Amino acid sequence: MTSRGLLYVSLMGVACSIVVATERSHAADVGQKKVAVLLSPADGDRIPRADKDVHCAKEPCTKIFVTGRVAPGQTPFLAVAPLGGSVQRIWVQPPILATKPDGTFDGLVYLGTEREGVGEKFSIFVFGCQQKDRFREAEHLRELPTDCAVSSPTTVLRVR
């Protein structure tokens, strides 16, 4: 075989090794997929929701209960971003007290105060993080974390 033939075989071997390594890495990522999803409320919901936010019947609806899911082994966090301000503000919400084995959880988020937030839209996020102490309640973020799984934003309108 000529030196040109050996070089070609050698390069083919390297290319095959890279493809195999890439496929193995991808398979590992699929097996440990990061998941963060807000299950309720739904995008576009008006708050209060007649069937869910009964505690808001006679008072301003400043807080609602939500349901979400993260990958098993991840710690869930909730965050809310009021929309319409000139500066993006993302507020970490009260800690999740329990997560079911399948990663689902219930939590509480605040949508403004008694005086602020009526008629405003808010985006709600779920973060699925490896660190149990990654965030603390009322922490102010300027951007979404890159070291956690982050849900798509669920935007709600607080009408009362």
N, C-alpha and C. Protein backbone atom coordinates (compact mmCIF):
# COMPACT_ATOMS: atom_id res chain seq x y z
N MET A 1 0.84 -1.16 0.00
CA MET A 1 0.00 0.00 0.00
C MET A 1 0.89 1.23 0.00
N THR A 2 0.50 2.25 -0.72
CA THR A 2 1.29 3.47 -0.78
C THR A 2 1.05 4.30 0.47
N SER A 3 1.89 5.29 0.68
CA SER A 3 1.72 6.16 1.84
C SER A 3 0.40 6.91 1.73
N ARG A 4 -0.01 7.20 0.52
CA ARG A 4 -1.28 7.89 0.31
C ARG A 4 -2.43 6.98 0.78
N GLY A 5 -2.37 5.70 0.50
CA GLY A 5 -3.39 4.73 0.91
C GLY A 5 -3.43 4.58 2.43
N LEU A 6 -2.27 4.57 3.10
CA LEU A 6 -2.22 4.47 4.56
C LEU A 6 -2.81 5.71 5.21
N LEU A 7 -2.52 6.87 4.66
CA LEU A 7 -3.05 8.11 5.20
C LEU A 7 -4.58 8.09 5.11
N TYR A 8 -5.13 7.63 4.00
CA TYR A 8 -6.58 7.57 3.83
C TYR A 8 -7.20 6.62 4.85
N VAL A 9 -6.61 5.44 5.04
CA VAL A 9 -7.12 4.47 6.01
C VAL A 9 -7.05 5.06 7.41
N SER A 10 -5.95 5.72 7.73
CA SER A 10 -5.77 6.32 9.03
C SER A 10 -6.83 7.40 9.27
N LEU A 11 -7.05 8.26 8.30
CA LEU A 11 -8.07 9.30 8.44
C LEU A 11 -9.46 8.69 8.57
N MET A 12 -9.74 7.63 7.84
CA MET A 12 -11.04 6.98 7.94
C MET A 12 -11.24 6.43 9.35
N GLY A 13 -10.19 5.86 9.92
CA GLY A 13 -10.28 5.33 11.28
C GLY A 13 -10.58 6.42 12.28
N VAL A 14 -9.96 7.60 12.15
CA VAL A 14 -10.21 8.72 13.04
C VAL A 14 -11.64 9.20 12.87
N ALA A 15 -12.08 9.33 11.64
CA ALA A 15 -13.45 9.79 11.38
C ALA A 15 -14.46 8.84 11.99
N CYS A 16 -14.23 7.54 11.86
CA CYS A 16 -15.15 6.56 12.45
C CYS A 16 -15.16 6.67 13.96
N SER A 17 -14.00 6.87 14.56
CA SER A 17 -13.93 7.00 16.02
C SER A 17 -14.69 8.23 16.49
N ILE A 18 -14.59 9.32 15.77
CA ILE A 18 -15.29 10.54 16.16
C ILE A 18 -16.79 10.33 16.06
N VAL A 19 -17.27 9.70 15.00
CA VAL A 19 -18.70 9.44 14.83
C VAL A 19 -19.21 8.55 15.96
N VAL A 20 -18.50 7.48 16.28
CA VAL A 20 -18.91 6.58 17.34
C VAL A 20 -18.94 7.31 18.68
N ALA A 21 -17.94 8.11 18.98
CA ALA A 21 -17.89 8.84 20.24
C ALA A 21 -19.04 9.84 20.31
N THR A 22 -19.33 10.51 19.22
CA THR A 22 -20.43 11.47 19.19
C THR A 22 -21.76 10.78 19.42
N GLU A 23 -21.97 9.63 18.78
CA GLU A 23 -23.22 8.89 18.97
C GLU A 23 -23.36 8.41 20.41
N ARG A 24 -22.29 7.96 21.03
CA ARG A 24 -22.35 7.52 22.43
C ARG A 24 -22.68 8.70 23.34
N SER A 25 -22.06 9.86 23.09
CA SER A 25 -22.32 11.04 23.90
C SER A 25 -23.77 11.47 23.77
N HIS A 26 -24.30 11.45 22.54
CA HIS A 26 -25.69 11.83 22.32
C HIS A 26 -26.62 10.87 23.05
N ALA A 27 -26.34 9.59 23.01
CA ALA A 27 -27.18 8.60 23.69
C ALA A 27 -27.19 8.85 25.20
N ALA A 28 -26.04 9.23 25.76
CA ALA A 28 -25.98 9.52 27.19
C ALA A 28 -26.82 10.76 27.52
N ASP A 29 -26.77 11.77 26.65
CA ASP A 29 -27.56 12.98 26.88
C ASP A 29 -29.05 12.68 26.82
N VAL A 30 -29.47 11.83 25.88
CA VAL A 30 -30.88 11.49 25.75
C VAL A 30 -31.35 10.74 27.00
N GLY A 31 -30.52 9.86 27.53
CA GLY A 31 -30.87 9.11 28.73
C GLY A 31 -31.01 9.99 29.95
N GLN A 32 -30.33 11.12 30.01
CA GLN A 32 -30.38 12.02 31.16
C GLN A 32 -30.91 13.38 30.75
N LYS A 33 -31.97 13.38 29.96
CA LYS A 33 -32.52 14.62 29.43
C LYS A 33 -32.98 15.55 30.55
N LYS A 34 -32.61 16.80 30.44
CA LYS A 34 -33.05 17.80 31.40
C LYS A 34 -34.47 18.21 31.04
N VAL A 35 -35.35 18.21 32.04
CA VAL A 35 -36.74 18.54 31.82
C VAL A 35 -37.18 19.58 32.83
N ALA A 36 -37.88 20.58 32.39
CA ALA A 36 -38.51 21.56 33.27
C ALA A 36 -39.76 22.04 32.55
N VAL A 37 -40.93 21.78 33.13
CA VAL A 37 -42.19 22.09 32.48
C VAL A 37 -43.17 22.65 33.51
N LEU A 38 -43.88 23.71 33.14
CA LEU A 38 -44.98 24.18 33.97
C LEU A 38 -46.25 23.55 33.41
N LEU A 39 -46.93 22.76 34.24
CA LEU A 39 -48.13 22.05 33.80
C LEU A 39 -49.40 22.87 33.99
N SER A 40 -49.42 23.71 35.01
CA SER A 40 -50.58 24.56 35.28
C SER A 40 -50.10 25.77 36.05
N PRO A 41 -50.51 26.97 35.67
CA PRO A 41 -51.53 27.33 34.70
C PRO A 41 -51.05 27.15 33.27
N ALA A 42 -51.98 27.32 32.33
CA ALA A 42 -51.66 27.23 30.91
C ALA A 42 -51.28 28.61 30.38
N ASP A 43 -50.50 28.60 29.32
CA ASP A 43 -50.12 29.86 28.67
C ASP A 43 -51.38 30.59 28.23
N GLY A 44 -51.49 31.86 28.57
CA GLY A 44 -52.64 32.67 28.19
C GLY A 44 -53.75 32.71 29.22
N ASP A 45 -53.62 31.94 30.32
CA ASP A 45 -54.66 31.95 31.36
C ASP A 45 -54.82 33.34 31.95
N ARG A 46 -56.06 33.64 32.31
CA ARG A 46 -56.39 34.87 33.02
C ARG A 46 -56.51 34.51 34.49
N ILE A 47 -55.84 35.30 35.32
CA ILE A 47 -55.79 35.04 36.76
C ILE A 47 -56.66 36.07 37.48
N PRO A 48 -57.60 35.66 38.31
CA PRO A 48 -57.77 34.32 38.85
C PRO A 48 -58.52 33.38 37.89
N ARG A 49 -58.17 32.09 37.98
CA ARG A 49 -58.85 31.05 37.24
C ARG A 49 -60.06 30.62 38.08
N ALA A 50 -61.22 30.61 37.50
CA ALA A 50 -62.46 30.36 38.25
C ALA A 50 -62.43 29.04 39.01
N ASP A 51 -61.88 28.01 38.42
CA ASP A 51 -61.91 26.68 39.04
C ASP A 51 -60.71 26.39 39.95
N LYS A 52 -59.69 27.21 39.94
CA LYS A 52 -58.47 26.90 40.68
C LYS A 52 -58.10 27.91 41.75
N ASP A 53 -58.36 29.16 41.53
CA ASP A 53 -57.91 30.21 42.44
C ASP A 53 -59.06 30.72 43.31
N VAL A 54 -59.71 29.80 44.01
CA VAL A 54 -60.88 30.14 44.82
C VAL A 54 -60.53 31.08 45.98
N HIS A 55 -59.29 31.06 46.42
CA HIS A 55 -58.86 31.97 47.49
C HIS A 55 -58.86 33.43 47.03
N CYS A 56 -59.01 33.67 45.73
CA CYS A 56 -59.02 35.03 45.19
C CYS A 56 -60.43 35.58 45.01
N ALA A 57 -61.44 34.88 45.51
CA ALA A 57 -62.83 35.28 45.28
C ALA A 57 -63.14 36.68 45.80
N LYS A 58 -62.58 37.07 46.94
CA LYS A 58 -62.94 38.34 47.57
C LYS A 58 -61.77 39.29 47.78
N GLU A 59 -60.62 38.94 47.27
CA GLU A 59 -59.43 39.78 47.48
C GLU A 59 -58.58 39.80 46.22
N PRO A 60 -57.66 40.75 46.10
CA PRO A 60 -56.78 40.76 44.93
C PRO A 60 -56.01 39.44 44.83
N CYS A 61 -55.83 38.98 43.63
CA CYS A 61 -55.17 37.68 43.42
C CYS A 61 -53.67 37.87 43.26
N THR A 62 -52.98 37.96 44.39
CA THR A 62 -51.54 38.21 44.37
C THR A 62 -50.71 36.94 44.34
N LYS A 63 -51.34 35.79 44.61
CA LYS A 63 -50.59 34.53 44.59
C LYS A 63 -51.48 33.41 44.06
N ILE A 64 -50.84 32.48 43.34
CA ILE A 64 -51.56 31.33 42.80
C ILE A 64 -50.74 30.06 43.01
N PHE A 65 -51.43 28.94 43.03
CA PHE A 65 -50.76 27.65 43.10
C PHE A 65 -50.52 27.15 41.69
N VAL A 66 -49.36 26.55 41.48
CA VAL A 66 -48.97 26.05 40.17
C VAL A 66 -48.50 24.60 40.30
N THR A 67 -48.48 23.91 39.18
CA THR A 67 -47.98 22.54 39.12
C THR A 67 -46.93 22.46 38.03
N GLY A 68 -45.83 21.75 38.31
CA GLY A 68 -44.77 21.62 37.33
C GLY A 68 -44.11 20.26 37.40
N ARG A 69 -43.10 20.07 36.55
CA ARG A 69 -42.36 18.81 36.54
C ARG A 69 -40.91 19.08 36.15
N VAL A 70 -40.02 18.38 36.83
CA VAL A 70 -38.60 18.38 36.49
C VAL A 70 -38.16 16.93 36.36
N ALA A 71 -36.98 16.71 35.83
CA ALA A 71 -36.44 15.36 35.72
C ALA A 71 -36.17 14.82 37.12
N PRO A 72 -36.41 13.52 37.32
CA PRO A 72 -36.09 12.93 38.62
C PRO A 72 -34.63 13.23 39.00
N GLY A 73 -34.43 13.62 40.26
CA GLY A 73 -33.10 13.96 40.73
C GLY A 73 -32.80 15.44 40.67
N GLN A 74 -33.58 16.20 39.92
CA GLN A 74 -33.38 17.64 39.87
C GLN A 74 -34.21 18.31 40.97
N THR A 75 -33.75 19.46 41.40
CA THR A 75 -34.48 20.27 42.38
C THR A 75 -35.24 21.35 41.62
N PRO A 76 -36.58 21.44 41.84
CA PRO A 76 -37.35 22.46 41.13
C PRO A 76 -37.33 23.81 41.84
N PHE A 77 -37.32 24.85 41.04
CA PHE A 77 -37.46 26.23 41.51
C PHE A 77 -38.47 26.90 40.60
N LEU A 78 -39.21 27.85 41.13
CA LEU A 78 -40.14 28.64 40.33
C LEU A 78 -39.64 30.08 40.28
N ALA A 79 -39.91 30.75 39.16
CA ALA A 79 -39.53 32.15 39.01
C ALA A 79 -40.60 32.87 38.21
N VAL A 80 -40.77 34.16 38.52
CA VAL A 80 -41.76 34.98 37.84
C VAL A 80 -41.09 36.24 37.31
N ALA A 81 -41.45 36.59 36.07
CA ALA A 81 -40.94 37.81 35.45
C ALA A 81 -42.12 38.68 35.04
N PRO A 82 -42.31 39.83 35.71
CA PRO A 82 -43.35 40.76 35.25
C PRO A 82 -42.98 41.28 33.87
N LEU A 83 -43.95 41.34 32.97
CA LEU A 83 -43.67 41.81 31.62
C LEU A 83 -44.06 43.28 31.49
N GLY A 84 -43.40 43.96 30.60
CA GLY A 84 -43.75 45.35 30.34
C GLY A 84 -42.80 46.36 30.96
N GLY A 85 -41.94 45.95 31.85
CA GLY A 85 -40.97 46.87 32.42
C GLY A 85 -39.81 47.10 31.48
N SER A 86 -39.07 48.14 31.71
CA SER A 86 -37.92 48.44 30.84
C SER A 86 -36.73 47.54 31.14
N VAL A 87 -36.66 47.02 32.37
CA VAL A 87 -35.57 46.13 32.76
C VAL A 87 -36.17 44.76 33.08
N GLN A 88 -35.56 43.69 32.54
CA GLN A 88 -36.05 42.36 32.85
C GLN A 88 -35.75 42.04 34.31
N ARG A 89 -36.80 41.69 35.03
CA ARG A 89 -36.67 41.28 36.43
C ARG A 89 -37.26 39.90 36.56
N ILE A 90 -36.50 38.98 37.09
CA ILE A 90 -36.97 37.61 37.31
C ILE A 90 -36.83 37.36 38.81
N TRP A 91 -37.95 37.05 39.45
CA TRP A 91 -37.96 36.87 40.90
C TRP A 91 -38.13 35.40 41.25
N VAL A 92 -37.21 34.87 42.04
CA VAL A 92 -37.31 33.49 42.51
C VAL A 92 -38.42 33.43 43.57
N GLN A 93 -39.24 32.42 43.47
CA GLN A 93 -40.42 32.27 44.31
C GLN A 93 -40.14 31.37 45.53
N PRO A 94 -41.13 31.22 46.43
CA PRO A 94 -40.92 30.38 47.62
C PRO A 94 -40.48 28.97 47.23
N PRO A 95 -39.68 28.33 48.08
CA PRO A 95 -39.15 27.00 47.76
C PRO A 95 -40.25 25.94 47.64
N ILE A 96 -39.97 24.95 46.81
CA ILE A 96 -40.86 23.80 46.65
C ILE A 96 -40.60 22.88 47.84
N LEU A 97 -41.64 22.47 48.52
CA LEU A 97 -41.48 21.68 49.74
C LEU A 97 -41.37 20.19 49.47
N ALA A 98 -41.98 19.69 48.40
CA ALA A 98 -41.94 18.25 48.12
C ALA A 98 -42.03 18.02 46.62
N THR A 99 -41.27 17.03 46.16
CA THR A 99 -41.31 16.62 44.77
C THR A 99 -41.63 15.13 44.74
N LYS A 100 -42.57 14.74 43.90
CA LYS A 100 -42.95 13.33 43.77
C LYS A 100 -41.86 12.57 43.02
N PRO A 101 -41.84 11.24 43.13
CA PRO A 101 -40.79 10.45 42.45
C PRO A 101 -40.73 10.68 40.93
N ASP A 102 -41.86 11.03 40.31
CA ASP A 102 -41.84 11.27 38.86
C ASP A 102 -41.42 12.69 38.51
N GLY A 103 -41.07 13.51 39.53
CA GLY A 103 -40.58 14.86 39.28
C GLY A 103 -41.66 15.93 39.34
N THR A 104 -42.93 15.55 39.53
CA THR A 104 -43.98 16.57 39.59
C THR A 104 -44.00 17.22 40.97
N PHE A 105 -44.50 18.45 41.01
CA PHE A 105 -44.54 19.21 42.26
C PHE A 105 -45.62 20.28 42.18
N ASP A 106 -46.02 20.77 43.34
CA ASP A 106 -46.93 21.91 43.45
C ASP A 106 -46.17 23.02 44.14
N GLY A 107 -46.46 24.26 43.76
CA GLY A 107 -45.78 25.39 44.37
C GLY A 107 -46.65 26.63 44.33
N LEU A 108 -46.11 27.70 44.87
CA LEU A 108 -46.81 28.97 44.98
C LEU A 108 -45.99 30.06 44.29
N VAL A 109 -46.66 30.90 43.50
CA VAL A 109 -45.98 32.04 42.90
C VAL A 109 -46.77 33.31 43.20
N TYR A 110 -46.05 34.40 43.33
CA TYR A 110 -46.64 35.71 43.56
C TYR A 110 -46.69 36.48 42.26
N LEU A 111 -47.82 37.12 42.03
CA LEU A 111 -48.02 37.94 40.82
C LEU A 111 -48.31 39.37 41.26
N GLY A 112 -47.29 40.06 41.68
CA GLY A 112 -47.44 41.44 42.13
C GLY A 112 -47.88 41.53 43.58
N THR A 113 -48.45 42.69 43.91
CA THR A 113 -48.91 42.96 45.27
C THR A 113 -50.38 43.37 45.20
N GLU A 114 -50.95 43.74 46.32
CA GLU A 114 -52.35 44.18 46.32
C GLU A 114 -52.53 45.43 45.46
N ARG A 115 -51.50 46.27 45.38
CA ARG A 115 -51.58 47.53 44.63
C ARG A 115 -50.95 47.46 43.25
N GLU A 116 -50.04 46.55 43.03
CA GLU A 116 -49.33 46.45 41.74
C GLU A 116 -49.57 45.09 41.11
N GLY A 117 -49.74 45.09 39.80
CA GLY A 117 -49.85 43.84 39.07
C GLY A 117 -51.20 43.59 38.42
N VAL A 118 -52.25 44.29 38.85
CA VAL A 118 -53.56 44.11 38.22
C VAL A 118 -53.48 44.62 36.78
N GLY A 119 -53.95 43.81 35.85
CA GLY A 119 -53.91 44.19 34.43
C GLY A 119 -52.56 43.93 33.78
N GLU A 120 -51.63 43.34 34.51
CA GLU A 120 -50.29 43.07 33.95
C GLU A 120 -50.12 41.60 33.60
N LYS A 121 -49.20 41.36 32.66
CA LYS A 121 -48.84 40.00 32.28
C LYS A 121 -47.57 39.60 33.03
N PHE A 122 -47.50 38.31 33.35
CA PHE A 122 -46.36 37.75 34.05
C PHE A 122 -45.96 36.46 33.35
N SER A 123 -44.65 36.23 33.20
CA SER A 123 -44.14 34.95 32.70
C SER A 123 -43.68 34.12 33.90
N ILE A 124 -44.10 32.87 33.91
CA ILE A 124 -43.73 31.94 34.99
C ILE A 124 -42.79 30.90 34.40
N PHE A 125 -41.70 30.61 35.12
CA PHE A 125 -40.70 29.64 34.69
C PHE A 125 -40.50 28.57 35.73
N VAL A 126 -40.13 27.38 35.28
CA VAL A 126 -39.66 26.30 36.14
C VAL A 126 -38.19 26.11 35.83
N PHE A 127 -37.37 26.03 36.88
CA PHE A 127 -35.95 25.68 36.74
C PHE A 127 -35.75 24.30 37.37
N GLY A 128 -35.08 23.41 36.66
CA GLY A 128 -34.70 22.11 37.21
C GLY A 128 -33.19 22.10 37.39
N CYS A 129 -32.73 22.11 38.64
CA CYS A 129 -31.30 22.28 38.92
C CYS A 129 -30.72 21.07 39.67
N GLN A 130 -29.44 20.84 39.49
CA GLN A 130 -28.75 19.77 40.22
C GLN A 130 -28.47 20.19 41.66
N GLN A 131 -28.17 21.46 41.87
CA GLN A 131 -27.87 21.98 43.21
C GLN A 131 -29.16 22.26 43.96
N LYS A 132 -29.30 21.69 45.15
CA LYS A 132 -30.50 21.90 45.97
C LYS A 132 -30.60 23.34 46.49
N ASP A 133 -29.48 24.01 46.64
CA ASP A 133 -29.47 25.37 47.19
C ASP A 133 -29.09 26.40 46.12
N ARG A 134 -29.40 26.11 44.86
CA ARG A 134 -28.99 26.98 43.76
C ARG A 134 -29.58 28.39 43.86
N PHE A 135 -30.84 28.50 44.30
CA PHE A 135 -31.51 29.79 44.43
C PHE A 135 -32.13 29.93 45.80
N ARG A 136 -32.44 31.17 46.17
CA ARG A 136 -33.17 31.42 47.41
C ARG A 136 -34.36 32.33 47.12
N GLU A 137 -35.39 32.20 47.93
CA GLU A 137 -36.62 32.98 47.74
C GLU A 137 -36.31 34.47 47.68
N ALA A 138 -36.99 35.16 46.78
CA ALA A 138 -36.88 36.61 46.56
C ALA A 138 -35.58 37.02 45.87
N GLU A 139 -34.75 36.05 45.48
CA GLU A 139 -33.54 36.39 44.72
C GLU A 139 -33.95 37.01 43.39
N HIS A 140 -33.23 38.03 42.98
CA HIS A 140 -33.51 38.78 41.76
C HIS A 140 -32.50 38.36 40.70
N LEU A 141 -32.98 37.88 39.55
CA LEU A 141 -32.12 37.47 38.45
C LEU A 141 -32.30 38.43 37.28
N ARG A 142 -31.23 38.68 36.57
CA ARG A 142 -31.33 39.52 35.37
C ARG A 142 -31.45 38.68 34.11
N GLU A 143 -31.11 37.39 34.22
CA GLU A 143 -31.23 36.49 33.07
C GLU A 143 -31.53 35.09 33.55
N LEU A 144 -31.99 34.25 32.65
CA LEU A 144 -32.30 32.87 32.99
C LEU A 144 -31.01 32.10 33.22
N PRO A 145 -31.02 31.14 34.14
CA PRO A 145 -29.80 30.38 34.43
C PRO A 145 -29.43 29.47 33.26
N THR A 146 -28.14 29.27 33.08
CA THR A 146 -27.66 28.38 32.02
C THR A 146 -27.24 27.01 32.57
N ASP A 147 -27.17 26.90 33.90
CA ASP A 147 -26.73 25.65 34.51
C ASP A 147 -27.90 24.79 34.99
N CYS A 148 -29.12 25.16 34.64
CA CYS A 148 -30.32 24.41 35.01
C CYS A 148 -31.19 24.22 33.76
N ALA A 149 -32.05 23.21 33.80
CA ALA A 149 -33.07 23.10 32.76
C ALA A 149 -34.07 24.22 33.01
N VAL A 150 -34.51 24.89 31.97
CA VAL A 150 -35.43 26.02 32.10
C VAL A 150 -36.64 25.77 31.20
N SER A 151 -37.83 25.89 31.77
CA SER A 151 -39.05 25.70 30.99
C SER A 151 -39.24 26.85 30.01
N SER A 152 -40.10 26.62 29.06
CA SER A 152 -40.57 27.73 28.22
C SER A 152 -41.39 28.64 29.12
N PRO A 153 -41.44 29.93 28.82
CA PRO A 153 -42.25 30.82 29.66
C PRO A 153 -43.73 30.53 29.49
N THR A 154 -44.45 30.55 30.59
CA THR A 154 -45.91 30.49 30.58
C THR A 154 -46.39 31.87 30.97
N THR A 155 -47.08 32.55 30.06
CA THR A 155 -47.50 33.92 30.31
C THR A 155 -48.97 33.94 30.73
N VAL A 156 -49.23 34.61 31.84
CA VAL A 156 -50.59 34.76 32.37
C VAL A 156 -50.91 36.24 32.53
N LEU A 157 -52.19 36.55 32.55
CA LEU A 157 -52.65 37.91 32.75
C LEU A 157 -53.41 37.98 34.07
N ARG A 158 -52.94 38.81 34.97
CA ARG A 158 -53.65 38.99 36.24
C ARG A 158 -54.72 40.06 36.04
N VAL A 159 -56.00 39.65 36.14
CA VAL A 159 -57.10 40.58 35.91
C VAL A 159 -57.66 41.14 37.21
N ARG A 160 -57.32 40.55 38.36
CA ARG A 160 -57.77 41.08 39.65
C ARG A 160 -56.73 40.84 40.73
